[in-house]
Amino acid sequence: MNGYQRIQAALKGEKSDKIPIMLHNFMMAAEEAGISMATYRNNPKMIAEVFIKSIEKYEYDGVLVDLDTVTLAGAVGVPVDFPEHEPARSAMGNMQLLEDVKKLKKVNIEHYKYVENWLEATRLLKDRFKNEVFVRGNCDQAPFSLASMMRGSQEWMLDLIMGDSSLVLELLEYCTDITCQFIELMAQTGCDMVSNGDSPAGPEMISPDMYEMFALQYEKKVVETAHNNHLPYLLHICGNTDTILELMLQTDSDAFELDYKTNAQKAFDVFHNKACFVGNVDPSGVLALGTPAMVEKKTLELLEVFSKTNRFILNAGCALPSSTPEENLRMMIKTARNN
């Protein structure tokens, strides 16, 4: 089996010849290719080349095409900083008041530079790998996360507790349209899967009841858009998601990529015959800062938990830091290949 076939098998719950591996490694891959994040984000051909070199070097099964976590925010007018050697970031929103949602104009994100670059890079990678390597087109932020960036995280939390709920929901509908636009555009690249991150919607920021009220229904709409475009969908949430795992299943996502803080055994118990689990070796404490022996130990522990299901894809719990040592990544991959 090739990489594309292994990941397709995991998504369907079918047996594979080897444990499938899909890395969230754009920062590490750019560092190893010797290019800055500024060069990376501004050149779709370079983005594609970075992943091609990484696949050739490590021989894993799936490419996760990622740019940063503020592209959709930038597309709707949130101020964005573009560091030379780090992913783009935002420090403040573009809505001074929640009532400003009434002034928001519909935005077509298709012609925003970094959306264009993201899409073109995904298209180039799919053209290059065809059905040999699985290509996952990440689509930046889910609606709740995007709303948080538009308001600013502190203001958004206050909105949820003290704000006019009708305005909160109106902003979430606006953000859902933006996220779904990206899903629709990404589907046109020929990619094999789409995904979003919704980390501020996790239990480390809001309660499970608030997740159900303000995030879940909009995540479901995004998943439905992906499925209407005949693509499987993956949802990523950082932090410890133990208390919302059952709720997350209601999104109808095909896969969940969760942080190392989530209890792997609990995730297995909830997902093993219903959805694919992707993760969740600690990207910083283990892969970036640990020893190869520690990487091997933690990888084996994770593989043991998921040894009784085919619905598993090995990955770090989140993006690998650019400083991740080659020998640590090789050890994680070797451990999986030999298991």
C-alpha atoms as a PDB file:
ATOM      1  CA  MET A   1       0.000   0.000   0.000  1.00  0.00           C
ATOM      2  CA  ASN A   2       1.090   3.581  -0.568  1.00  0.00           C
ATOM      3  CA  GLY A   3       0.539   6.547   1.740  1.00  0.00           C
ATOM      4  CA  TYR A   4      -2.705   7.626   0.099  1.00  0.00           C
ATOM      5  CA  GLN A   5      -4.142   4.126   0.455  1.00  0.00           C
ATOM      6  CA  ARG A   6      -3.084   3.804   4.101  1.00  0.00           C
ATOM      7  CA  ILE A   7      -4.810   6.989   5.186  1.00  0.00           C
ATOM      8  CA  GLN A   8      -7.912   6.227   3.140  1.00  0.00           C
ATOM      9  CA  ALA A   9      -8.055   2.855   4.858  1.00  0.00           C
ATOM     10  CA  ALA A  10      -7.819   4.447   8.311  1.00  0.00           C
ATOM     11  CA  LEU A  11     -10.638   6.875   7.514  1.00  0.00           C
ATOM     12  CA  LYS A  12     -12.827   3.949   6.448  1.00  0.00           C
ATOM     13  CA  GLY A  13     -11.841   1.753   9.381  1.00  0.00           C
ATOM     14  CA  GLU A  14     -10.105  -0.747   7.112  1.00  0.00           C
ATOM     15  CA  LYS A  15      -6.867  -2.601   7.858  1.00  0.00           C
ATOM     16  CA  SER A  16      -3.623  -1.171   6.493  1.00  0.00           C
ATOM     17  CA  ASP A  17      -0.250  -2.807   5.902  1.00  0.00           C
ATOM     18  CA  LYS A  18       1.418  -0.190   8.143  1.00  0.00           C
ATOM     19  CA  ILE A  19       0.290   2.421  10.648  1.00  0.00           C
ATOM     20  CA  PRO A  20      -0.494   5.541   8.581  1.00  0.00           C
ATOM     21  CA  ILE A  21       1.397   8.738   9.407  1.00  0.00           C
ATOM     22  CA  MET A  22       0.294  12.292   8.571  1.00  0.00           C
ATOM     23  CA  LEU A  23       2.440  15.082   9.982  1.00  0.00           C
ATOM     24  CA  HIS A  24       1.570  18.636  11.020  1.00  0.00           C
ATOM     25  CA  ASN A  25       5.087  19.811  10.208  1.00  0.00           C
ATOM     26  CA  PHE A  26       4.992  22.929   8.054  1.00  0.00           C
ATOM     27  CA  MET A  27       7.274  24.956  10.334  1.00  0.00           C
ATOM     28  CA  MET A  28       9.803  22.152  10.699  1.00  0.00           C
ATOM     29  CA  ALA A  29       9.688  21.379   6.985  1.00  0.00           C
ATOM     30  CA  ALA A  30      10.356  25.012   6.051  1.00  0.00           C
ATOM     31  CA  GLU A  31      13.249  25.177   8.528  1.00  0.00           C
ATOM     32  CA  GLU A  32      14.798  22.014   7.104  1.00  0.00           C
ATOM     33  CA  ALA A  33      14.397  23.372   3.581  1.00  0.00           C
ATOM     34  CA  GLY A  34      16.349  26.458   4.648  1.00  0.00           C
ATOM     35  CA  ILE A  35      13.654  29.036   3.968  1.00  0.00           C
ATOM     36  CA  SER A  36      12.029  31.621   6.222  1.00  0.00           C
ATOM     37  CA  MET A  37       8.334  31.657   7.006  1.00  0.00           C
ATOM     38  CA  ALA A  38       8.100  34.892   5.021  1.00  0.00           C
ATOM     39  CA  THR A  39       9.428  33.149   1.910  1.00  0.00           C
ATOM     40  CA  TYR A  40       7.220  30.147   2.584  1.00  0.00           C
ATOM     41  CA  ARG A  41       3.941  32.044   2.952  1.00  0.00           C
ATOM     42  CA  ASN A  42       4.533  34.241  -0.092  1.00  0.00           C
ATOM     43  CA  ASN A  43       5.372  31.558  -2.662  1.00  0.00           C
ATOM     44  CA  PRO A  44       3.016  28.632  -3.325  1.00  0.00           C
ATOM     45  CA  LYS A  45       5.659  26.844  -5.401  1.00  0.00           C
ATOM     46  CA  MET A  46       8.009  27.054  -2.433  1.00  0.00           C
ATOM     47  CA  ILE A  47       5.317  25.741  -0.090  1.00  0.00           C
ATOM     48  CA  ALA A  48       4.844  22.739  -2.349  1.00  0.00           C
ATOM     49  CA  GLU A  49       8.597  22.186  -2.677  1.00  0.00           C
ATOM     50  CA  VAL A  50       9.002  22.242   1.118  1.00  0.00           C
ATOM     51  CA  PHE A  51       6.537  19.366   1.510  1.00  0.00           C
ATOM     52  CA  ILE A  52       7.913  17.424  -1.440  1.00  0.00           C
ATOM     53  CA  LYS A  53      11.389  17.512   0.128  1.00  0.00           C
ATOM     54  CA  SER A  54       9.982  16.467   3.493  1.00  0.00           C
ATOM     55  CA  ILE A  55       8.086  13.514   2.019  1.00  0.00           C
ATOM     56  CA  GLU A  56      11.186  12.411   0.131  1.00  0.00           C
ATOM     57  CA  LYS A  57      13.247  12.646   3.315  1.00  0.00           C
ATOM     58  CA  TYR A  58      10.956  10.966   5.844  1.00  0.00           C
ATOM     59  CA  GLU A  59       8.592   8.882   3.649  1.00  0.00           C
ATOM     60  CA  TYR A  60       5.418   9.492   5.654  1.00  0.00           C
ATOM     61  CA  ASP A  61       1.949   9.022   4.191  1.00  0.00           C
ATOM     62  CA  GLY A  62       0.047  12.303   4.295  1.00  0.00           C
ATOM     63  CA  VAL A  63       0.822  15.979   3.785  1.00  0.00           C
ATOM     64  CA  LEU A  64      -1.041  18.528   5.882  1.00  0.00           C
ATOM     65  CA  VAL A  65      -0.911  21.796   3.922  1.00  0.00           C
ATOM     66  CA  ASP A  66      -0.892  24.625   6.442  1.00  0.00           C
ATOM     67  CA  LEU A  67       0.115  28.291   6.320  1.00  0.00           C
ATOM     68  CA  ASP A  68      -0.737  29.824   9.713  1.00  0.00           C
ATOM     69  CA  THR A  69      -3.781  30.353  11.931  1.00  0.00           C
ATOM     70  CA  VAL A  70      -4.761  33.883  10.900  1.00  0.00           C
ATOM     71  CA  THR A  71      -5.330  33.734   7.142  1.00  0.00           C
ATOM     72  CA  LEU A  72      -9.120  33.900   7.326  1.00  0.00           C
ATOM     73  CA  ALA A  73      -8.847  36.611   9.967  1.00  0.00           C
ATOM     74  CA  GLY A  74      -6.661  38.642   7.614  1.00  0.00           C
ATOM     75  CA  ALA A  75      -9.102  38.049   4.774  1.00  0.00           C
ATOM     76  CA  VAL A  76     -11.914  39.719   6.760  1.00  0.00           C
ATOM     77  CA  GLY A  77      -9.818  42.685   7.897  1.00  0.00           C
ATOM     78  CA  VAL A  78      -8.236  41.641  11.191  1.00  0.00           C
ATOM     79  CA  PRO A  79      -4.798  43.321  11.542  1.00  0.00           C
ATOM     80  CA  VAL A  80      -2.099  40.708  10.937  1.00  0.00           C
ATOM     81  CA  ASP A  81       1.616  40.757  11.690  1.00  0.00           C
ATOM     82  CA  PHE A  82       3.915  38.866   9.300  1.00  0.00           C
ATOM     83  CA  PRO A  83       7.225  38.000  11.047  1.00  0.00           C
ATOM     84  CA  GLU A  84      10.163  36.908   8.918  1.00  0.00           C
ATOM     85  CA  HIS A  85      10.832  33.687  10.780  1.00  0.00           C
ATOM     86  CA  GLU A  86       7.508  32.819  12.410  1.00  0.00           C
ATOM     87  CA  PRO A  87       3.976  32.156  11.162  1.00  0.00           C
ATOM     88  CA  ALA A  88       1.690  35.169  10.761  1.00  0.00           C
ATOM     89  CA  ARG A  89      -0.204  36.224  13.880  1.00  0.00           C
ATOM     90  CA  SER A  90      -2.801  38.691  15.111  1.00  0.00           C
ATOM     91  CA  ALA A  91      -2.898  40.522  18.418  1.00  0.00           C
ATOM     92  CA  MET A  92      -6.205  42.389  18.183  1.00  0.00           C
ATOM     93  CA  GLY A  93      -9.556  42.154  16.479  1.00  0.00           C
ATOM     94  CA  ASN A  94     -11.189  44.393  13.909  1.00  0.00           C
ATOM     95  CA  MET A  95     -14.514  44.845  15.740  1.00  0.00           C
ATOM     96  CA  GLN A  96     -14.455  47.407  18.531  1.00  0.00           C
ATOM     97  CA  LEU A  97     -17.988  46.514  19.617  1.00  0.00           C
ATOM     98  CA  LEU A  98     -20.090  43.398  19.213  1.00  0.00           C
ATOM     99  CA  GLU A  99     -22.733  45.648  17.650  1.00  0.00           C
ATOM    100  CA  ASP A 100     -20.304  46.205  14.764  1.00  0.00           C
ATOM    101  CA  VAL A 101     -21.476  42.872  13.398  1.00  0.00           C
ATOM    102  CA  LYS A 102     -24.321  44.874  11.846  1.00  0.00           C
ATOM    103  CA  LYS A 103     -21.764  46.801   9.776  1.00  0.00           C
ATOM    104  CA  LEU A 104     -19.915  43.779   8.401  1.00  0.00           C
ATOM    105  CA  LYS A 105     -20.015  43.435   4.633  1.00  0.00           C
ATOM    106  CA  LYS A 106     -19.915  40.121   2.843  1.00  0.00           C
ATOM    107  CA  VAL A 107     -16.332  39.255   1.924  1.00  0.00           C
ATOM    108  CA  ASN A 108     -15.188  37.072  -0.959  1.00  0.00           C
ATOM    109  CA  ILE A 109     -11.990  35.503   0.382  1.00  0.00           C
ATOM    110  CA  GLU A 110     -10.974  33.998  -2.970  1.00  0.00           C
ATOM    111  CA  HIS A 111      -8.744  36.921  -3.920  1.00  0.00           C
ATOM    112  CA  TYR A 112      -6.973  37.382  -0.588  1.00  0.00           C
ATOM    113  CA  LYS A 113      -3.301  36.788  -1.322  1.00  0.00           C
ATOM    114  CA  TYR A 114      -2.625  34.175   1.330  1.00  0.00           C
ATOM    115  CA  VAL A 115      -5.781  32.235   0.550  1.00  0.00           C
ATOM    116  CA  GLU A 116      -4.648  32.150  -3.076  1.00  0.00           C
ATOM    117  CA  ASN A 117      -1.186  30.940  -2.072  1.00  0.00           C
ATOM    118  CA  TRP A 118      -2.614  28.261   0.218  1.00  0.00           C
ATOM    119  CA  LEU A 119      -4.926  26.942  -2.489  1.00  0.00           C
ATOM    120  CA  GLU A 120      -2.303  26.981  -5.223  1.00  0.00           C
ATOM    121  CA  ALA A 121       0.204  25.130  -3.056  1.00  0.00           C
ATOM    122  CA  THR A 122      -2.377  22.435  -2.319  1.00  0.00           C
ATOM    123  CA  ARG A 123      -3.175  22.156  -6.022  1.00  0.00           C
ATOM    124  CA  LEU A 124       0.507  21.774  -6.885  1.00  0.00           C
ATOM    125  CA  LEU A 125       0.984  19.076  -4.277  1.00  0.00           C
ATOM    126  CA  LYS A 126      -2.016  17.088  -5.446  1.00  0.00           C
ATOM    127  CA  ASP A 127      -0.799  17.356  -9.033  1.00  0.00           C
ATOM    128  CA  ARG A 128       2.632  16.130  -7.915  1.00  0.00           C
ATOM    129  CA  PHE A 129       1.570  13.276  -5.651  1.00  0.00           C
ATOM    130  CA  LYS A 130      -1.681  12.249  -7.355  1.00  0.00           C
ATOM    131  CA  ASN A 131      -2.899   9.135  -5.502  1.00  0.00           C
ATOM    132  CA  GLU A 132       0.481   8.197  -4.030  1.00  0.00           C
ATOM    133  CA  VAL A 133       0.554  10.548  -1.025  1.00  0.00           C
ATOM    134  CA  PHE A 134      -2.568  11.767   0.791  1.00  0.00           C
ATOM    135  CA  VAL A 135      -3.040  15.558   0.634  1.00  0.00           C
ATOM    136  CA  ARG A 136      -5.031  17.251   3.405  1.00  0.00           C
ATOM    137  CA  GLY A 137      -5.952  20.845   2.667  1.00  0.00           C
ATOM    138  CA  ASN A 138      -6.277  22.585   5.994  1.00  0.00           C
ATOM    139  CA  CYS A 139      -8.724  25.507   5.871  1.00  0.00           C
ATOM    140  CA  ASP A 140      -7.546  27.605   8.801  1.00  0.00           C
ATOM    141  CA  GLN A 141     -10.083  28.616  11.446  1.00  0.00           C
ATOM    142  CA  ALA A 142     -13.509  27.181  12.234  1.00  0.00           C
ATOM    143  CA  PRO A 143     -16.253  29.773  12.878  1.00  0.00           C
ATOM    144  CA  PHE A 144     -15.886  30.061  16.663  1.00  0.00           C
ATOM    145  CA  SER A 145     -12.129  30.626  16.373  1.00  0.00           C
ATOM    146  CA  LEU A 146     -12.539  33.188  13.616  1.00  0.00           C
ATOM    147  CA  ALA A 147     -15.119  35.103  15.670  1.00  0.00           C
ATOM    148  CA  SER A 148     -12.660  35.125  18.577  1.00  0.00           C
ATOM    149  CA  MET A 149     -10.011  36.699  16.342  1.00  0.00           C
ATOM    150  CA  MET A 150     -12.396  39.286  14.961  1.00  0.00           C
ATOM    151  CA  ARG A 151     -13.460  40.429  18.435  1.00  0.00           C
ATOM    152  CA  GLY A 152     -10.209  39.721  20.288  1.00  0.00           C
ATOM    153  CA  SER A 153     -10.091  36.749  22.640  1.00  0.00           C
ATOM    154  CA  GLN A 154     -10.865  38.613  25.875  1.00  0.00           C
ATOM    155  CA  GLU A 155     -13.736  40.590  24.373  1.00  0.00           C
ATOM    156  CA  TRP A 156     -15.125  37.436  22.785  1.00  0.00           C
ATOM    157  CA  MET A 157     -15.217  35.593  26.097  1.00  0.00           C
ATOM    158  CA  LEU A 158     -17.105  38.516  27.634  1.00  0.00           C
ATOM    159  CA  ASP A 159     -19.491  38.558  24.667  1.00  0.00           C
ATOM    160  CA  LEU A 160     -20.395  34.929  25.310  1.00  0.00           C
ATOM    161  CA  ILE A 161     -21.226  35.626  28.951  1.00  0.00           C
ATOM    162  CA  MET A 162     -22.580  39.169  28.920  1.00  0.00           C
ATOM    163  CA  GLY A 163     -23.265  40.100  25.310  1.00  0.00           C
ATOM    164  CA  ASP A 164     -26.450  40.119  23.254  1.00  0.00           C
ATOM    165  CA  SER A 165     -26.806  36.469  22.258  1.00  0.00           C
ATOM    166  CA  SER A 166     -28.504  37.387  18.984  1.00  0.00           C
ATOM    167  CA  LEU A 167     -25.442  39.416  17.970  1.00  0.00           C
ATOM    168  CA  VAL A 168     -23.107  36.611  19.039  1.00  0.00           C
ATOM    169  CA  LEU A 169     -24.998  34.177  16.836  1.00  0.00           C
ATOM    170  CA  GLU A 170     -25.051  36.663  13.968  1.00  0.00           C
ATOM    171  CA  LEU A 171     -21.261  36.933  14.116  1.00  0.00           C
ATOM    172  CA  LEU A 172     -20.939  33.149  14.195  1.00  0.00           C
ATOM    173  CA  GLU A 173     -23.145  32.869  11.100  1.00  0.00           C
ATOM    174  CA  TYR A 174     -20.956  35.459   9.361  1.00  0.00           C
ATOM    175  CA  CYS A 175     -17.828  33.493  10.267  1.00  0.00           C
ATOM    176  CA  THR A 176     -19.421  30.231   9.154  1.00  0.00           C
ATOM    177  CA  ASP A 177     -19.869  31.696   5.684  1.00  0.00           C
ATOM    178  CA  ILE A 178     -16.170  32.642   5.589  1.00  0.00           C
ATOM    179  CA  THR A 179     -14.998  29.211   6.734  1.00  0.00           C
ATOM    180  CA  CYS A 180     -17.308  27.442   4.306  1.00  0.00           C
ATOM    181  CA  GLN A 181     -16.001  29.605   1.462  1.00  0.00           C
ATOM    182  CA  PHE A 182     -12.534  28.256   2.166  1.00  0.00           C
ATOM    183  CA  ILE A 183     -13.834  24.677   2.269  1.00  0.00           C
ATOM    184  CA  GLU A 184     -15.528  25.173  -1.118  1.00  0.00           C
ATOM    185  CA  LEU A 185     -12.376  26.690  -2.620  1.00  0.00           C
ATOM    186  CA  MET A 186     -10.117  24.011  -1.170  1.00  0.00           C
ATOM    187  CA  ALA A 187     -12.339  21.295  -2.606  1.00  0.00           C
ATOM    188  CA  GLN A 188     -11.565  22.654  -6.062  1.00  0.00           C
ATOM    189  CA  THR A 189      -7.835  21.949  -5.616  1.00  0.00           C
ATOM    190  CA  GLY A 190      -8.406  18.204  -5.827  1.00  0.00           C
ATOM    191  CA  CYS A 191      -7.200  17.614  -2.255  1.00  0.00           C
ATOM    192  CA  ASP A 192      -8.171  14.408  -0.476  1.00  0.00           C
ATOM    193  CA  MET A 193      -9.470  15.899   2.773  1.00  0.00           C
ATOM    194  CA  VAL A 194     -10.219  19.248   4.411  1.00  0.00           C
ATOM    195  CA  SER A 195      -9.908  20.377   8.016  1.00  0.00           C
ATOM    196  CA  ASN A 196     -10.175  23.303  10.407  1.00  0.00           C
ATOM    197  CA  GLY A 197      -8.884  24.275  13.816  1.00  0.00           C
ATOM    198  CA  ASP A 198     -11.261  25.431  16.554  1.00  0.00           C
ATOM    199  CA  SER A 199      -8.987  25.556  19.586  1.00  0.00           C
ATOM    200  CA  PRO A 200     -10.654  28.461  21.489  1.00  0.00           C
ATOM    201  CA  ALA A 201     -13.798  26.307  21.526  1.00  0.00           C
ATOM    202  CA  GLY A 202     -12.110  23.717  23.728  1.00  0.00           C
ATOM    203  CA  PRO A 203     -12.765  23.164  27.449  1.00  0.00           C
ATOM    204  CA  GLU A 204      -9.652  25.097  28.463  1.00  0.00           C
ATOM    205  CA  MET A 205     -11.449  28.242  27.250  1.00  0.00           C
ATOM    206  CA  ILE A 206     -15.193  27.561  27.494  1.00  0.00           C
ATOM    207  CA  SER A 207     -17.488  25.066  29.213  1.00  0.00           C
ATOM    208  CA  PRO A 208     -18.963  22.041  27.421  1.00  0.00           C
ATOM    209  CA  ASP A 209     -22.388  23.721  27.559  1.00  0.00           C
ATOM    210  CA  MET A 210     -20.969  26.801  25.846  1.00  0.00           C
ATOM    211  CA  TYR A 211     -19.230  24.592  23.272  1.00  0.00           C
ATOM    212  CA  GLU A 212     -22.562  22.980  22.479  1.00  0.00           C
ATOM    213  CA  MET A 213     -24.317  26.338  22.243  1.00  0.00           C
ATOM    214  CA  PHE A 214     -21.769  28.460  20.379  1.00  0.00           C
ATOM    215  CA  ALA A 215     -19.415  26.134  18.484  1.00  0.00           C
ATOM    216  CA  LEU A 216     -20.945  22.743  17.756  1.00  0.00           C
ATOM    217  CA  GLN A 217     -23.780  23.794  15.456  1.00  0.00           C
ATOM    218  CA  TYR A 218     -21.433  25.883  13.307  1.00  0.00           C
ATOM    219  CA  GLU A 219     -18.814  23.144  13.121  1.00  0.00           C
ATOM    220  CA  LYS A 220     -21.608  20.871  11.878  1.00  0.00           C
ATOM    221  CA  LYS A 221     -22.374  23.300   9.054  1.00  0.00           C
ATOM    222  CA  VAL A 222     -18.729  23.320   8.002  1.00  0.00           C
ATOM    223  CA  VAL A 223     -18.586  19.507   8.050  1.00  0.00           C
ATOM    224  CA  GLU A 224     -21.752  19.403   5.963  1.00  0.00           C
ATOM    225  CA  THR A 225     -20.123  21.716   3.411  1.00  0.00           C
ATOM    226  CA  ALA A 226     -17.136  19.374   3.177  1.00  0.00           C
ATOM    227  CA  HIS A 227     -19.365  16.334   2.751  1.00  0.00           C
ATOM    228  CA  ASN A 228     -21.433  18.120   0.110  1.00  0.00           C
ATOM    229  CA  ASN A 229     -18.151  18.470  -1.773  1.00  0.00           C
ATOM    230  CA  HIS A 230     -17.516  14.729  -1.369  1.00  0.00           C
ATOM    231  CA  LEU A 231     -14.553  15.191   0.969  1.00  0.00           C
ATOM    232  CA  PRO A 232     -13.840  13.742   4.417  1.00  0.00           C
ATOM    233  CA  TYR A 233     -13.406  16.283   7.186  1.00  0.00           C
ATOM    234  CA  LEU A 234     -11.108  16.569  10.215  1.00  0.00           C
ATOM    235  CA  LEU A 235     -11.587  18.823  13.239  1.00  0.00           C
ATOM    236  CA  HIS A 236      -8.622  19.953  15.350  1.00  0.00           C
ATOM    237  CA  ILE A 237      -8.978  21.312  18.895  1.00  0.00           C
ATOM    238  CA  CYS A 238      -6.029  21.983  21.198  1.00  0.00           C
ATOM    239  CA  GLY A 239      -5.911  21.370  24.929  1.00  0.00           C
ATOM    240  CA  ASN A 240      -7.660  18.725  26.995  1.00  0.00           C
ATOM    241  CA  THR A 241     -10.893  17.849  25.183  1.00  0.00           C
ATOM    242  CA  ASP A 242     -11.926  14.935  27.428  1.00  0.00           C
ATOM    243  CA  THR A 243     -15.215  16.548  28.491  1.00  0.00           C
ATOM    244  CA  ILE A 244     -16.444  17.295  24.959  1.00  0.00           C
ATOM    245  CA  LEU A 245     -15.414  14.176  23.031  1.00  0.00           C
ATOM    246  CA  GLU A 246     -18.978  12.858  22.852  1.00  0.00           C
ATOM    247  CA  LEU A 247     -20.244  16.263  21.740  1.00  0.00           C
ATOM    248  CA  MET A 248     -17.556  16.490  19.063  1.00  0.00           C
ATOM    249  CA  LEU A 249     -18.871  13.282  17.527  1.00  0.00           C
ATOM    250  CA  GLN A 250     -22.112  15.144  16.830  1.00  0.00           C
ATOM    251  CA  THR A 251     -20.283  17.299  14.265  1.00  0.00           C
ATOM    252  CA  ASP A 252     -20.202  14.218  11.985  1.00  0.00           C
ATOM    253  CA  SER A 253     -16.484  14.797  11.409  1.00  0.00           C
ATOM    254  CA  ASP A 254     -14.683  11.828   9.901  1.00  0.00           C
ATOM    255  CA  ALA A 255     -11.566  12.388  12.007  1.00  0.00           C
ATOM    256  CA  PHE A 256     -10.393  14.303  15.065  1.00  0.00           C
ATOM    257  CA  GLU A 257      -6.862  15.602  15.571  1.00  0.00           C
ATOM    258  CA  LEU A 258      -6.449  16.241  19.297  1.00  0.00           C
ATOM    259  CA  ASP A 259      -3.752  17.584  21.576  1.00  0.00           C
ATOM    260  CA  TYR A 260      -1.538  15.395  23.756  1.00  0.00           C
ATOM    261  CA  LYS A 261      -3.432  16.768  26.780  1.00  0.00           C
ATOM    262  CA  THR A 262      -6.467  14.741  25.741  1.00  0.00           C
ATOM    263  CA  ASN A 263      -6.490  11.313  27.398  1.00  0.00           C
ATOM    264  CA  ALA A 264      -5.701   8.823  24.629  1.00  0.00           C
ATOM    265  CA  GLN A 265      -7.596   5.966  26.285  1.00  0.00           C
ATOM    266  CA  LYS A 266     -10.722   8.079  26.660  1.00  0.00           C
ATOM    267  CA  ALA A 267     -10.431   9.172  23.027  1.00  0.00           C
ATOM    268  CA  PHE A 268     -10.140   5.533  21.974  1.00  0.00           C
ATOM    269  CA  ASP A 269     -13.198   4.588  24.017  1.00  0.00           C
ATOM    270  CA  VAL A 270     -15.271   7.312  22.345  1.00  0.00           C
ATOM    271  CA  PHE A 271     -13.967   7.218  18.772  1.00  0.00           C
ATOM    272  CA  HIS A 272     -12.614   3.748  18.002  1.00  0.00           C
ATOM    273  CA  ASN A 273     -15.568   2.475  15.966  1.00  0.00           C
ATOM    274  CA  LYS A 274     -17.078   5.810  14.985  1.00  0.00           C
ATOM    275  CA  ALA A 275     -14.347   8.196  13.789  1.00  0.00           C
ATOM    276  CA  CYS A 276     -10.648   8.250  13.077  1.00  0.00           C
ATOM    277  CA  PHE A 277      -8.269   9.525  15.759  1.00  0.00           C
ATOM    278  CA  VAL A 278      -5.265  11.539  14.560  1.00  0.00           C
ATOM    279  CA  GLY A 279      -2.435  12.313  16.949  1.00  0.00           C
ATOM    280  CA  ASN A 280      -1.341  12.820  19.582  1.00  0.00           C
ATOM    281  CA  VAL A 281       2.332  12.702  20.592  1.00  0.00           C
ATOM    282  CA  ASP A 282       3.359  15.863  22.478  1.00  0.00           C
ATOM    283  CA  PRO A 283       4.934  18.102  19.803  1.00  0.00           C
ATOM    284  CA  SER A 284       6.949  20.249  22.203  1.00  0.00           C
ATOM    285  CA  GLY A 285       7.787  18.340  25.373  1.00  0.00           C
ATOM    286  CA  VAL A 286       8.466  15.060  23.576  1.00  0.00           C
ATOM    287  CA  LEU A 287       9.212  15.579  19.879  1.00  0.00           C
ATOM    288  CA  ALA A 288      10.957  18.959  20.071  1.00  0.00           C
ATOM    289  CA  LEU A 289      12.603  18.755  23.497  1.00  0.00           C
ATOM    290  CA  GLY A 290      12.723  15.046  24.325  1.00  0.00           C
ATOM    291  CA  THR A 291      15.239  12.344  23.529  1.00  0.00           C
ATOM    292  CA  PRO A 292      14.797   9.647  20.868  1.00  0.00           C
ATOM    293  CA  ALA A 293      14.262   7.159  23.699  1.00  0.00           C
ATOM    294  CA  MET A 294      11.452   9.289  25.096  1.00  0.00           C
ATOM    295  CA  VAL A 295       9.904   9.622  21.634  1.00  0.00           C
ATOM    296  CA  GLU A 296       9.989   5.859  21.195  1.00  0.00           C
ATOM    297  CA  LYS A 297       8.424   5.268  24.608  1.00  0.00           C
ATOM    298  CA  LYS A 298       5.580   7.764  24.128  1.00  0.00           C
ATOM    299  CA  THR A 299       4.893   6.570  20.589  1.00  0.00           C
ATOM    300  CA  LEU A 300       4.687   2.941  21.711  1.00  0.00           C
ATOM    301  CA  GLU A 301       2.317   3.900  24.528  1.00  0.00           C
ATOM    302  CA  LEU A 302       0.018   5.629  22.045  1.00  0.00           C
ATOM    303  CA  LEU A 303       0.175   2.774  19.547  1.00  0.00           C
ATOM    304  CA  GLU A 304      -0.755   0.319  22.303  1.00  0.00           C
ATOM    305  CA  VAL A 305      -3.896   2.300  23.138  1.00  0.00           C
ATOM    306  CA  PHE A 306      -5.046   2.295  19.518  1.00  0.00           C
ATOM    307  CA  SER A 307      -3.844  -1.200  18.632  1.00  0.00           C
ATOM    308  CA  LYS A 308      -7.402  -2.541  18.579  1.00  0.00           C
ATOM    309  CA  THR A 309      -8.758  -0.178  15.930  1.00  0.00           C
ATOM    310  CA  ASN A 310      -7.943   0.592  12.314  1.00  0.00           C
ATOM    311  CA  ARG A 311      -9.257   4.136  12.749  1.00  0.00           C
ATOM    312  CA  PHE A 312      -5.932   5.669  13.738  1.00  0.00           C
ATOM    313  CA  ILE A 313      -3.391   7.958  12.055  1.00  0.00           C
ATOM    314  CA  LEU A 314      -0.176   8.811  13.877  1.00  0.00           C
ATOM    315  CA  ASN A 315       0.703  12.484  14.209  1.00  0.00           C
ATOM    316  CA  ALA A 316       1.850  14.972  16.795  1.00  0.00           C
ATOM    317  CA  GLY A 317      -0.937  16.536  18.830  1.00  0.00           C
ATOM    318  CA  CYS A 318      -0.404  19.892  17.103  1.00  0.00           C
ATOM    319  CA  ALA A 319       2.095  21.621  14.828  1.00  0.00           C
ATOM    320  CA  LEU A 320       5.709  20.517  15.226  1.00  0.00           C
ATOM    321  CA  PRO A 321       8.028  23.345  16.283  1.00  0.00           C
ATOM    322  CA  SER A 322      10.626  24.369  13.714  1.00  0.00           C
ATOM    323  CA  SER A 323      13.341  23.268  16.145  1.00  0.00           C
ATOM    324  CA  THR A 324      12.206  19.624  16.251  1.00  0.00           C
ATOM    325  CA  PRO A 325      15.327  17.414  15.892  1.00  0.00           C
ATOM    326  CA  GLU A 326      15.457  15.164  12.848  1.00  0.00           C
ATOM    327  CA  GLU A 327      16.388  12.142  14.955  1.00  0.00           C
ATOM    328  CA  ASN A 328      13.242  12.533  17.062  1.00  0.00           C
ATOM    329  CA  LEU A 329      10.918  12.654  14.078  1.00  0.00           C
ATOM    330  CA  ARG A 330      12.720   9.713  12.507  1.00  0.00           C
ATOM    331  CA  MET A 331      12.284   7.757  15.740  1.00  0.00           C
ATOM    332  CA  MET A 332       8.534   8.365  15.839  1.00  0.00           C
ATOM    333  CA  ILE A 333       8.193   7.229  12.222  1.00  0.00           C
ATOM    334  CA  LYS A 334      10.520   4.236  12.698  1.00  0.00           C
ATOM    335  CA  THR A 335       8.638   3.122  15.793  1.00  0.00           C
ATOM    336  CA  ALA A 336       5.352   3.162  13.906  1.00  0.00           C
ATOM    337  CA  ARG A 337       6.783   1.429  10.830  1.00  0.00           C
ATOM    338  CA  ASN A 338       8.248  -1.378  12.960  1.00  0.00           C
ATOM    339  CA  ASN A 339       5.129  -1.881  15.052  1.00  0.00           C
END
